Amino acid sequence: MCKYFIDGSFPIKGKIKASGNKNAALPCIAAALLADGEVILENVPEIEDVSVMLSIATKLGATVTKIKSNEYSIKSDDIKSELPQEEAKSIRASILFAGPLLARTGKAVFPPPGGDVIGRRRLDTHFLAFEELGARIEIDGFFKLTTNKLVGADLFLDEASVTATENAIMASVLAEGKTIIQNAASEPHVQDLCRMLVSMGAKITGIGSNILFIDGVKKLSGTKFRIGSDFIEVGSFIGLAAVTRGELEIEDAIPSDLRMVKIAYAKLGIHWETDGSVIKINSGQRLQVVSDFGGHIPRIDDAPWPGFPPDLTSIMVVVATQVEGTVLIHEKMYESRMFFVDKLIGMGAKIILCDPHRAVVSGPARLKGSQLVSPDIRAGMAMVIAALCAEGRSEIRNVFQVERGYENLVSRLKKLGARIEKKDSDIA
């Protein structure tokens, strides 16, 4: 296990290139198993979750070749139907192989998936969709899904779950007949998956909306597809630049994916300029809460796309500690995501945790370096940001969690002037 040692209060400055979207790469790797031919994925982030998904694909029988950094070839001529237990249990995205395995082999067997502990993350929506498409489900420690034939159906998802939508899409593209998916998730990573499948020969319309129309085809061909930029990573770096009073240019961003994020940051007095795919955050901004009309305390709350993304709520809590004024952060979707704020309070943050979903943050607060433990990917990155704007030295353990979602984080931050080192746990 490794730790980060961070000396704070140094502004970051420079240019950084956005990585590929983690949440798009994972379903696209799974979808490659649907192809009758070679799939080449470009702009794949070099992170732990991707490594695990590629390992699962390999153990299922796919041939995975690294062409060069961030680019992989996947060939799936003959695949198995049972996921390897150890890897499947270590990552929630392992469930994304269920749809492709059902479509290709008529069977999918897997243990309960792992992932971040941020609250209950139900799987019912996946299974209800599979059942309507013609799958049978048995649960006895493992999940066993079987089907004689998948047949298109008019699906109405009981929640706009991203992974359930992706599984329903991947099962439907090779199903017989027409499928309609209503109340579908429509995040940029879901759109990326759809575009990749279309490039493989799938017939999908309604991409970007919450109603998808899919006409099943008999087979899908190989393709070359470039993963879009990670808007969660971009949003994280914007927050980091603001609270360290730095100046940053983020290249290869997709500003249209950040429209709601921009509205939320504006409530904290944080703004940026765009030039094509470049986002520039200038130094010298006055970080001040902008009250709602009538002088009311503003609220930043998450919601399914196109609402504010839940993966950025942890980041916004930290950013709000450095802003003059009071704001309510309302995390509606996961009841355990806010439980890292006690560590921020220990650093000197002025936060009232009202309940598992709501935190009132007042600032600015002078944060002090501290010993921290990363509980999940996003809270871990929030702690990194807190440490980089705090006075003194911080030590963050369990950084494996952070690196599951942020590519080459230490080296990239060091190039921006951050005082951060990664060392083995037994080195002080």
Protein backbone atom coordinates (compact mmCIF):
# COMPACT_ATOMS: atom_id res chain seq x y z
CA MET A 1 0.00 0.00 0.00
CA CYS A 2 1.17 3.54 -0.74
CA LYS A 3 0.57 6.98 0.70
CA TYR A 4 0.56 10.52 -0.63
CA PHE A 5 2.56 13.14 1.23
CA ILE A 6 1.34 16.61 0.31
CA ASP A 7 2.60 20.06 1.26
CA GLY A 8 -0.21 22.54 0.72
CA SER A 9 -0.72 26.24 0.04
CA PHE A 10 1.14 26.27 -3.27
CA PRO A 11 -0.89 27.43 -6.32
CA ILE A 12 -0.91 25.12 -9.30
CA LYS A 13 -0.08 26.57 -12.68
CA GLY A 14 0.27 25.25 -16.21
CA LYS A 15 -1.43 23.03 -18.75
CA ILE A 16 -2.91 19.58 -18.39
CA LYS A 17 -4.63 17.27 -20.86
CA ALA A 18 -7.92 15.64 -19.90
CA SER A 19 -7.84 11.86 -19.70
CA GLY A 20 -10.31 9.53 -21.33
CA ASN A 21 -13.60 9.04 -19.53
CA LYS A 22 -13.27 6.15 -17.05
CA ASN A 23 -17.02 5.61 -17.00
CA ALA A 24 -17.09 5.33 -20.79
CA ALA A 25 -14.04 3.09 -21.10
CA LEU A 26 -15.44 0.42 -18.78
CA PRO A 27 -18.69 -0.31 -20.69
CA CYS A 28 -16.88 0.03 -24.02
CA ILE A 29 -14.45 -2.71 -22.96
CA ALA A 30 -17.41 -4.93 -22.11
CA ALA A 31 -19.16 -4.04 -25.37
CA ALA A 32 -16.09 -5.13 -27.36
CA LEU A 33 -17.09 -8.71 -26.52
CA LEU A 34 -20.16 -8.25 -28.74
CA ALA A 35 -18.07 -7.77 -31.87
CA ASP A 36 -17.34 -10.27 -34.59
CA GLY A 37 -13.90 -8.80 -35.25
CA GLU A 38 -11.25 -6.56 -33.73
CA VAL A 39 -12.21 -3.57 -31.62
CA ILE A 40 -9.60 -0.87 -31.10
CA LEU A 41 -10.22 1.57 -28.26
CA GLU A 42 -8.31 4.85 -28.19
CA ASN A 43 -7.91 7.36 -25.35
CA VAL A 44 -8.40 4.67 -22.72
CA PRO A 45 -7.26 5.96 -19.29
CA GLU A 46 -4.41 3.98 -17.72
CA ILE A 47 -6.08 3.39 -14.36
CA GLU A 48 -6.68 0.42 -12.08
CA ASP A 49 -10.36 -0.06 -12.93
CA VAL A 50 -9.50 -0.31 -16.63
CA SER A 51 -6.77 -2.88 -15.86
CA VAL A 52 -9.28 -5.01 -13.96
CA MET A 53 -11.86 -4.83 -16.77
CA LEU A 54 -9.24 -5.82 -19.36
CA SER A 55 -8.14 -8.70 -17.13
CA ILE A 56 -11.74 -9.92 -16.87
CA ALA A 57 -12.11 -9.70 -20.66
CA THR A 58 -8.94 -11.76 -21.07
CA LYS A 59 -10.12 -14.45 -18.63
CA LEU A 60 -13.42 -14.61 -20.49
CA GLY A 61 -11.47 -15.60 -23.60
CA ALA A 62 -10.84 -12.29 -25.35
CA THR A 63 -7.42 -11.48 -26.77
CA VAL A 64 -6.37 -8.10 -25.37
CA THR A 65 -3.32 -6.36 -26.82
CA LYS A 66 -1.89 -3.03 -25.74
CA ILE A 67 -1.04 -1.23 -28.98
CA LYS A 68 0.49 1.76 -27.22
CA SER A 69 -0.23 3.93 -24.23
CA ASN A 70 -4.01 4.51 -23.93
CA GLU A 71 -4.83 2.28 -26.93
CA TYR A 72 -5.96 -1.36 -26.84
CA SER A 73 -7.06 -4.04 -29.25
CA ILE A 74 -9.74 -6.53 -28.15
CA LYS A 75 -10.69 -9.65 -30.15
CA SER A 76 -13.47 -11.91 -28.87
CA ASP A 77 -13.88 -14.88 -31.20
CA ASP A 78 -14.75 -17.40 -28.48
CA ILE A 79 -15.81 -16.27 -25.02
CA LYS A 80 -16.83 -17.95 -21.79
CA SER A 81 -19.93 -17.15 -19.78
CA GLU A 82 -18.60 -17.18 -16.20
CA LEU A 83 -16.75 -14.17 -14.79
CA PRO A 84 -13.56 -14.72 -12.73
CA GLN A 85 -14.55 -14.32 -9.09
CA GLU A 86 -11.67 -12.29 -7.68
CA GLU A 87 -11.73 -9.56 -10.32
CA ALA A 88 -15.52 -9.44 -10.53
CA LYS A 89 -15.79 -8.88 -6.78
CA SER A 90 -13.24 -6.06 -6.85
CA ILE A 91 -15.05 -3.71 -9.22
CA ARG A 92 -18.69 -2.75 -9.64
CA ALA A 93 -18.32 -2.35 -13.40
CA SER A 94 -17.84 -6.12 -13.73
CA ILE A 95 -21.63 -6.39 -13.98
CA LEU A 96 -21.35 -4.68 -17.38
CA PHE A 97 -20.22 -7.99 -18.86
CA ALA A 98 -23.65 -9.50 -18.11
CA GLY A 99 -25.38 -7.94 -21.13
CA PRO A 100 -22.73 -8.90 -23.69
CA LEU A 101 -22.41 -12.46 -22.31
CA LEU A 102 -26.17 -12.99 -22.43
CA ALA A 103 -26.28 -11.70 -26.01
CA ARG A 104 -23.26 -13.73 -27.19
CA THR A 105 -23.52 -16.98 -25.20
CA GLY A 106 -27.04 -17.04 -23.75
CA LYS A 107 -25.60 -17.24 -20.26
CA ALA A 108 -23.88 -15.05 -17.66
CA VAL A 109 -22.65 -16.19 -14.23
CA PHE A 110 -21.06 -13.75 -11.81
CA PRO A 111 -20.68 -12.96 -8.09
CA PRO A 112 -22.07 -9.76 -6.55
CA PRO A 113 -19.91 -6.94 -7.96
CA GLY A 114 -17.67 -4.80 -5.77
CA GLY A 115 -16.99 -1.06 -5.96
CA ASP A 116 -17.03 2.07 -3.83
CA VAL A 117 -18.87 1.96 -0.52
CA ILE A 118 -21.00 5.08 -0.99
CA GLY A 119 -24.36 3.61 -0.06
CA ARG A 120 -26.72 0.96 -1.35
CA ARG A 121 -26.32 0.37 -5.06
CA ARG A 122 -29.16 -1.90 -6.10
CA LEU A 123 -29.01 -4.29 -9.04
CA ASP A 124 -32.75 -4.79 -9.45
CA THR A 125 -32.98 -2.52 -12.50
CA HIS A 126 -30.48 -4.69 -14.39
CA PHE A 127 -32.36 -7.89 -13.65
CA LEU A 128 -35.80 -6.46 -14.40
CA ALA A 129 -34.56 -5.33 -17.82
CA PHE A 130 -32.93 -8.68 -18.55
CA GLU A 131 -36.13 -10.53 -17.58
CA GLU A 132 -38.23 -8.43 -19.94
CA LEU A 133 -35.78 -9.22 -22.74
CA GLY A 134 -36.23 -12.94 -22.11
CA ALA A 135 -33.61 -13.90 -19.52
CA ARG A 136 -34.13 -16.23 -16.55
CA ILE A 137 -32.44 -15.32 -13.27
CA GLU A 138 -31.27 -17.54 -10.43
CA ILE A 139 -29.61 -16.19 -7.28
CA ASP A 140 -27.71 -18.51 -4.94
CA GLY A 141 -24.63 -16.67 -3.74
CA PHE A 142 -23.92 -16.08 -7.43
CA PHE A 143 -26.11 -14.56 -10.12
CA LYS A 144 -26.91 -16.93 -12.97
CA LEU A 145 -28.63 -15.50 -16.04
CA THR A 146 -29.72 -17.71 -18.93
CA THR A 147 -31.79 -17.30 -22.07
CA ASN A 148 -32.77 -19.32 -25.11
CA LYS A 149 -33.19 -16.12 -27.11
CA LEU A 150 -33.26 -12.43 -26.27
CA VAL A 151 -36.27 -10.67 -27.77
CA GLY A 152 -36.78 -6.92 -27.99
CA ALA A 153 -39.22 -5.32 -25.55
CA ASP A 154 -40.62 -1.98 -24.43
CA LEU A 155 -38.61 -1.37 -21.24
CA PHE A 156 -39.32 1.25 -18.62
CA LEU A 157 -36.44 1.33 -16.13
CA ASP A 158 -37.53 1.84 -12.53
CA GLU A 159 -34.58 4.22 -12.07
CA ALA A 160 -32.30 6.00 -14.51
CA SER A 161 -29.36 3.80 -13.59
CA VAL A 162 -26.29 4.30 -15.77
CA THR A 163 -24.97 0.74 -15.62
CA ALA A 164 -28.45 -0.79 -15.93
CA THR A 165 -29.10 1.34 -19.02
CA GLU A 166 -25.77 0.24 -20.48
CA ASN A 167 -26.50 -3.42 -19.79
CA ALA A 168 -29.96 -3.13 -21.35
CA ILE A 169 -28.45 -1.48 -24.43
CA MET A 170 -25.77 -4.16 -24.85
CA ALA A 171 -28.29 -6.98 -24.42
CA SER A 172 -30.72 -5.35 -26.87
CA VAL A 173 -28.44 -4.66 -29.82
CA LEU A 174 -28.31 -8.37 -30.72
CA ALA A 175 -31.85 -9.20 -29.55
CA GLU A 176 -34.52 -10.16 -32.03
CA GLY A 177 -36.79 -7.25 -32.94
CA LYS A 178 -37.19 -3.75 -31.57
CA THR A 179 -36.39 -2.52 -28.06
CA ILE A 180 -37.45 0.76 -26.49
CA ILE A 181 -35.67 1.83 -23.30
CA GLN A 182 -37.56 4.54 -21.43
CA ASN A 183 -36.24 6.42 -18.39
CA ALA A 184 -32.79 5.63 -19.73
CA ALA A 185 -29.70 7.27 -18.32
CA SER A 186 -28.17 9.68 -20.83
CA GLU A 187 -24.79 10.69 -19.35
CA PRO A 188 -21.90 11.37 -21.76
CA HIS A 189 -20.47 7.91 -21.06
CA VAL A 190 -23.78 6.26 -21.99
CA GLN A 191 -23.73 8.29 -25.20
CA ASP A 192 -20.15 7.13 -25.89
CA LEU A 193 -21.20 3.49 -25.52
CA CYS A 194 -24.09 4.02 -27.94
CA ARG A 195 -21.86 5.72 -30.50
CA MET A 196 -19.34 2.91 -30.29
CA LEU A 197 -22.05 0.30 -30.83
CA VAL A 198 -23.44 2.24 -33.80
CA SER A 199 -19.93 2.25 -35.31
CA MET A 200 -20.01 -1.56 -34.90
CA GLY A 201 -23.28 -1.79 -36.83
CA ALA A 202 -25.90 -1.45 -34.09
CA LYS A 203 -29.08 0.48 -34.86
CA ILE A 204 -29.69 2.93 -32.01
CA THR A 205 -31.58 6.22 -32.13
CA GLY A 206 -32.42 8.74 -29.43
CA ILE A 207 -28.82 8.93 -28.23
CA GLY A 208 -28.49 11.68 -25.61
CA SER A 209 -32.15 11.47 -24.60
CA ASN A 210 -33.90 9.36 -21.97
CA ILE A 211 -35.72 7.25 -24.58
CA LEU A 212 -33.62 4.93 -26.74
CA PHE A 213 -34.86 2.97 -29.74
CA ILE A 214 -32.88 -0.12 -30.71
CA ASP A 215 -33.46 -2.38 -33.71
CA GLY A 216 -31.68 -5.67 -33.08
CA VAL A 217 -29.14 -6.89 -35.63
CA LYS A 218 -27.73 -10.37 -36.19
CA LYS A 219 -24.09 -9.46 -35.61
CA LEU A 220 -21.76 -6.58 -34.89
CA SER A 221 -18.42 -5.94 -36.57
CA GLY A 222 -15.14 -4.61 -35.23
CA THR A 223 -14.41 -0.91 -35.04
CA LYS A 224 -11.95 1.76 -33.95
CA PHE A 225 -13.42 4.11 -31.37
CA ARG A 226 -12.02 7.00 -29.35
CA ILE A 227 -13.22 7.37 -25.77
CA GLY A 228 -14.40 10.90 -24.92
CA SER A 229 -12.75 13.10 -22.29
CA ASP A 230 -13.54 12.63 -18.61
CA PHE A 231 -15.72 15.54 -17.52
CA ILE A 232 -15.49 14.41 -13.88
CA GLU A 233 -11.71 14.69 -13.98
CA VAL A 234 -11.99 18.08 -15.67
CA GLY A 235 -14.43 19.26 -13.00
CA SER A 236 -12.02 18.07 -10.30
CA PHE A 237 -9.10 20.00 -11.79
CA ILE A 238 -11.22 23.15 -12.09
CA GLY A 239 -11.93 22.96 -8.36
CA LEU A 240 -8.26 22.33 -7.58
CA ALA A 241 -7.14 25.36 -9.59
CA ALA A 242 -9.70 27.59 -7.89
CA VAL A 243 -8.96 26.66 -4.26
CA THR A 244 -5.16 26.83 -4.68
CA ARG A 245 -5.59 30.25 -6.34
CA GLY A 246 -3.84 28.84 -9.37
CA GLU A 247 -4.06 29.25 -13.12
CA LEU A 248 -4.77 26.25 -15.30
CA GLU A 249 -5.45 25.33 -18.92
CA ILE A 250 -7.20 22.01 -19.46
CA GLU A 251 -6.79 20.67 -22.99
CA ASP A 252 -8.97 18.09 -24.76
CA ALA A 253 -11.98 18.92 -22.62
CA ILE A 254 -15.59 18.81 -23.83
CA PRO A 255 -17.12 22.06 -22.54
CA SER A 256 -20.64 21.02 -23.55
CA ASP A 257 -20.45 18.21 -20.98
CA LEU A 258 -19.83 20.79 -18.24
CA ARG A 259 -22.80 23.12 -18.60
CA MET A 260 -24.46 22.18 -15.31
CA VAL A 261 -21.06 22.01 -13.60
CA LYS A 262 -20.39 25.55 -14.79
CA ILE A 263 -23.66 26.75 -13.28
CA ALA A 264 -22.76 25.12 -9.95
CA TYR A 265 -19.25 26.58 -9.85
CA ALA A 266 -20.66 30.02 -10.69
CA LYS A 267 -22.65 29.83 -7.44
CA LEU A 268 -19.26 29.81 -5.70
CA GLY A 269 -17.84 32.67 -7.73
CA ILE A 270 -15.71 30.39 -9.90
CA HIS A 271 -15.64 30.98 -13.66
CA TRP A 272 -13.63 29.85 -16.66
CA GLU A 273 -13.10 30.65 -20.30
CA THR A 274 -13.38 28.24 -23.21
CA ASP A 275 -11.58 28.19 -26.53
CA GLY A 276 -12.69 25.18 -28.52
CA SER A 277 -11.71 22.17 -26.42
CA VAL A 278 -9.57 24.22 -24.02
CA ILE A 279 -10.82 25.41 -20.65
CA LYS A 280 -8.85 28.12 -18.87
CA ILE A 281 -9.23 28.94 -15.19
CA ASN A 282 -7.64 32.28 -14.33
CA SER A 283 -6.08 33.17 -11.01
CA GLY A 284 -7.24 36.12 -8.92
CA GLN A 285 -10.91 35.17 -8.85
CA ARG A 286 -12.91 36.24 -5.83
CA LEU A 287 -14.36 33.07 -4.41
CA GLN A 288 -17.67 34.16 -2.97
CA VAL A 289 -21.04 32.46 -2.70
CA VAL A 290 -23.65 34.07 -4.94
CA SER A 291 -26.96 34.13 -3.06
CA ASP A 292 -30.16 33.06 -4.75
CA PHE A 293 -32.65 35.79 -5.60
CA GLY A 294 -34.08 37.19 -2.40
CA GLY A 295 -30.81 36.64 -0.54
CA HIS A 296 -31.42 32.94 0.10
CA ILE A 297 -28.60 30.45 0.67
CA PRO A 298 -27.94 28.63 -2.62
CA ARG A 299 -27.96 24.88 -3.00
CA ILE A 300 -25.81 22.58 -5.11
CA ASP A 301 -27.55 19.25 -5.53
CA ASP A 302 -26.89 16.26 -7.75
CA ALA A 303 -29.28 14.55 -10.12
CA PRO A 304 -29.24 12.19 -13.12
CA TRP A 305 -27.95 13.75 -16.33
CA PRO A 306 -28.19 16.53 -17.32
CA GLY A 307 -28.24 17.45 -13.62
CA PHE A 308 -25.15 18.10 -11.53
CA PRO A 309 -23.09 14.87 -11.51
CA PRO A 310 -22.98 13.03 -8.16
CA ASP A 311 -19.32 12.16 -8.71
CA LEU A 312 -18.47 15.84 -8.20
CA THR A 313 -20.37 16.45 -4.95
CA SER A 314 -17.38 15.43 -2.80
CA ILE A 315 -15.20 17.86 -4.76
CA MET A 316 -17.71 20.68 -4.31
CA VAL A 317 -17.78 20.19 -0.54
CA VAL A 318 -14.04 20.85 -0.38
CA VAL A 319 -14.21 23.77 -2.80
CA ALA A 320 -17.01 25.36 -0.77
CA THR A 321 -14.78 25.37 2.35
CA GLN A 322 -12.56 27.94 0.61
CA VAL A 323 -15.36 30.23 -0.56
CA GLU A 324 -16.71 33.23 1.32
CA GLY A 325 -20.29 32.57 2.38
CA THR A 326 -22.58 29.62 3.06
CA VAL A 327 -23.91 26.97 0.69
CA LEU A 328 -25.93 23.78 1.04
CA ILE A 329 -24.53 20.68 -0.69
CA HIS A 330 -27.29 18.11 -1.17
CA GLU A 331 -26.17 14.62 -2.24
CA LYS A 332 -29.46 12.94 -3.11
CA MET A 333 -28.32 9.71 -4.67
CA TYR A 334 -25.95 7.92 -2.25
CA GLU A 335 -26.43 7.91 1.50
CA SER A 336 -22.78 7.28 2.46
CA ARG A 337 -20.91 9.63 0.14
CA MET A 338 -20.89 12.50 2.66
CA PHE A 339 -19.33 10.49 5.47
CA PHE A 340 -15.81 11.74 4.68
CA VAL A 341 -16.58 15.29 5.85
CA ASP A 342 -15.53 14.53 9.43
CA LYS A 343 -11.95 14.47 8.13
CA LEU A 344 -12.42 17.91 6.59
CA ILE A 345 -13.87 19.19 9.87
CA GLY A 346 -10.76 17.85 11.58
CA MET A 347 -8.68 19.94 9.15
CA GLY A 348 -10.60 23.07 10.19
CA ALA A 349 -13.51 23.11 7.74
CA LYS A 350 -16.77 24.73 8.86
CA ILE A 351 -19.28 22.06 7.92
CA ILE A 352 -22.54 20.97 9.49
CA LEU A 353 -23.52 17.48 8.37
CA CYS A 354 -27.31 17.72 8.65
CA ASP A 355 -27.96 14.07 7.70
CA PRO A 356 -26.41 11.48 5.35
CA HIS A 357 -27.40 13.56 2.33
CA ARG A 358 -26.96 17.23 3.26
CA ALA A 359 -24.02 19.36 4.39
CA VAL A 360 -24.02 23.10 5.11
CA VAL A 361 -20.60 24.55 4.33
CA SER A 362 -19.42 27.99 5.44
CA GLY A 363 -16.14 29.56 4.40
CA PRO A 364 -13.50 30.45 3.91
CA ALA A 365 -11.79 28.13 6.39
CA ARG A 366 -8.05 27.80 6.99
CA LEU A 367 -7.44 24.11 6.55
CA LYS A 368 -4.53 22.45 8.34
CA GLY A 369 -2.58 19.47 7.07
CA SER A 370 -3.74 16.17 8.52
CA GLN A 371 -3.60 12.38 8.30
CA LEU A 372 -6.36 11.16 6.00
CA VAL A 373 -7.68 7.90 4.53
CA SER A 374 -9.31 7.75 1.12
CA PRO A 375 -12.66 5.90 1.37
CA ASP A 376 -13.54 5.97 -2.33
CA ILE A 377 -12.40 7.47 -5.63
CA ARG A 378 -14.14 10.84 -5.44
CA ALA A 379 -13.77 11.46 -1.70
CA GLY A 380 -10.11 10.52 -2.15
CA MET A 381 -9.65 13.17 -4.83
CA ALA A 382 -11.51 15.65 -2.61
CA MET A 383 -8.97 14.93 0.13
CA VAL A 384 -6.11 15.51 -2.30
CA ILE A 385 -7.59 18.91 -3.18
CA ALA A 386 -8.10 19.74 0.50
CA ALA A 387 -4.49 18.82 1.26
CA LEU A 388 -3.17 20.92 -1.63
CA CYS A 389 -4.91 24.05 -0.34
CA ALA A 390 -4.23 23.38 3.36
CA GLU A 391 -1.41 24.81 5.45
CA GLY A 392 1.32 22.32 6.24
CA ARG A 393 1.77 18.64 5.38
CA SER A 394 -0.92 16.03 4.89
CA GLU A 395 -0.63 12.28 4.61
CA ILE A 396 -3.26 10.35 2.67
CA ARG A 397 -3.50 6.57 2.95
CA ASN A 398 -5.38 4.08 0.76
CA VAL A 399 -4.51 6.09 -2.35
CA PHE A 400 -5.20 2.99 -4.42
CA GLN A 401 -8.80 4.19 -4.31
CA VAL A 402 -7.91 7.56 -5.85
CA GLU A 403 -5.84 5.97 -8.61
CA ARG A 404 -8.75 3.77 -9.63
CA GLY A 405 -10.22 6.88 -11.27
CA TYR A 406 -7.43 9.42 -11.94
CA GLU A 407 -4.69 8.63 -14.41
CA ASN A 408 -1.04 9.24 -13.40
CA LEU A 409 -2.30 11.73 -10.84
CA VAL A 410 0.94 12.36 -8.93
CA SER A 411 3.15 12.98 -11.96
CA ARG A 412 0.56 15.20 -13.63
CA LEU A 413 0.02 17.31 -10.50
CA LYS A 414 3.77 17.66 -9.94
CA LYS A 415 4.13 19.12 -13.42
CA LEU A 416 1.66 21.81 -12.32
CA GLY A 417 3.78 22.70 -9.29
CA ALA A 418 1.96 20.64 -6.67
CA ARG A 419 4.12 19.45 -3.78
CA ILE A 420 3.02 15.81 -3.75
CA GLU A 421 4.98 12.57 -3.36
CA LYS A 422 3.90 8.95 -3.44
CA LYS A 423 5.73 6.58 -1.11
CA ASP A 424 5.37 3.11 0.35
CA SER A 425 3.35 3.00 3.55
CA ASP A 426 6.37 2.08 5.69
CA ILE A 427 8.27 5.20 4.57
CA ALA A 428 7.67 8.35 6.58
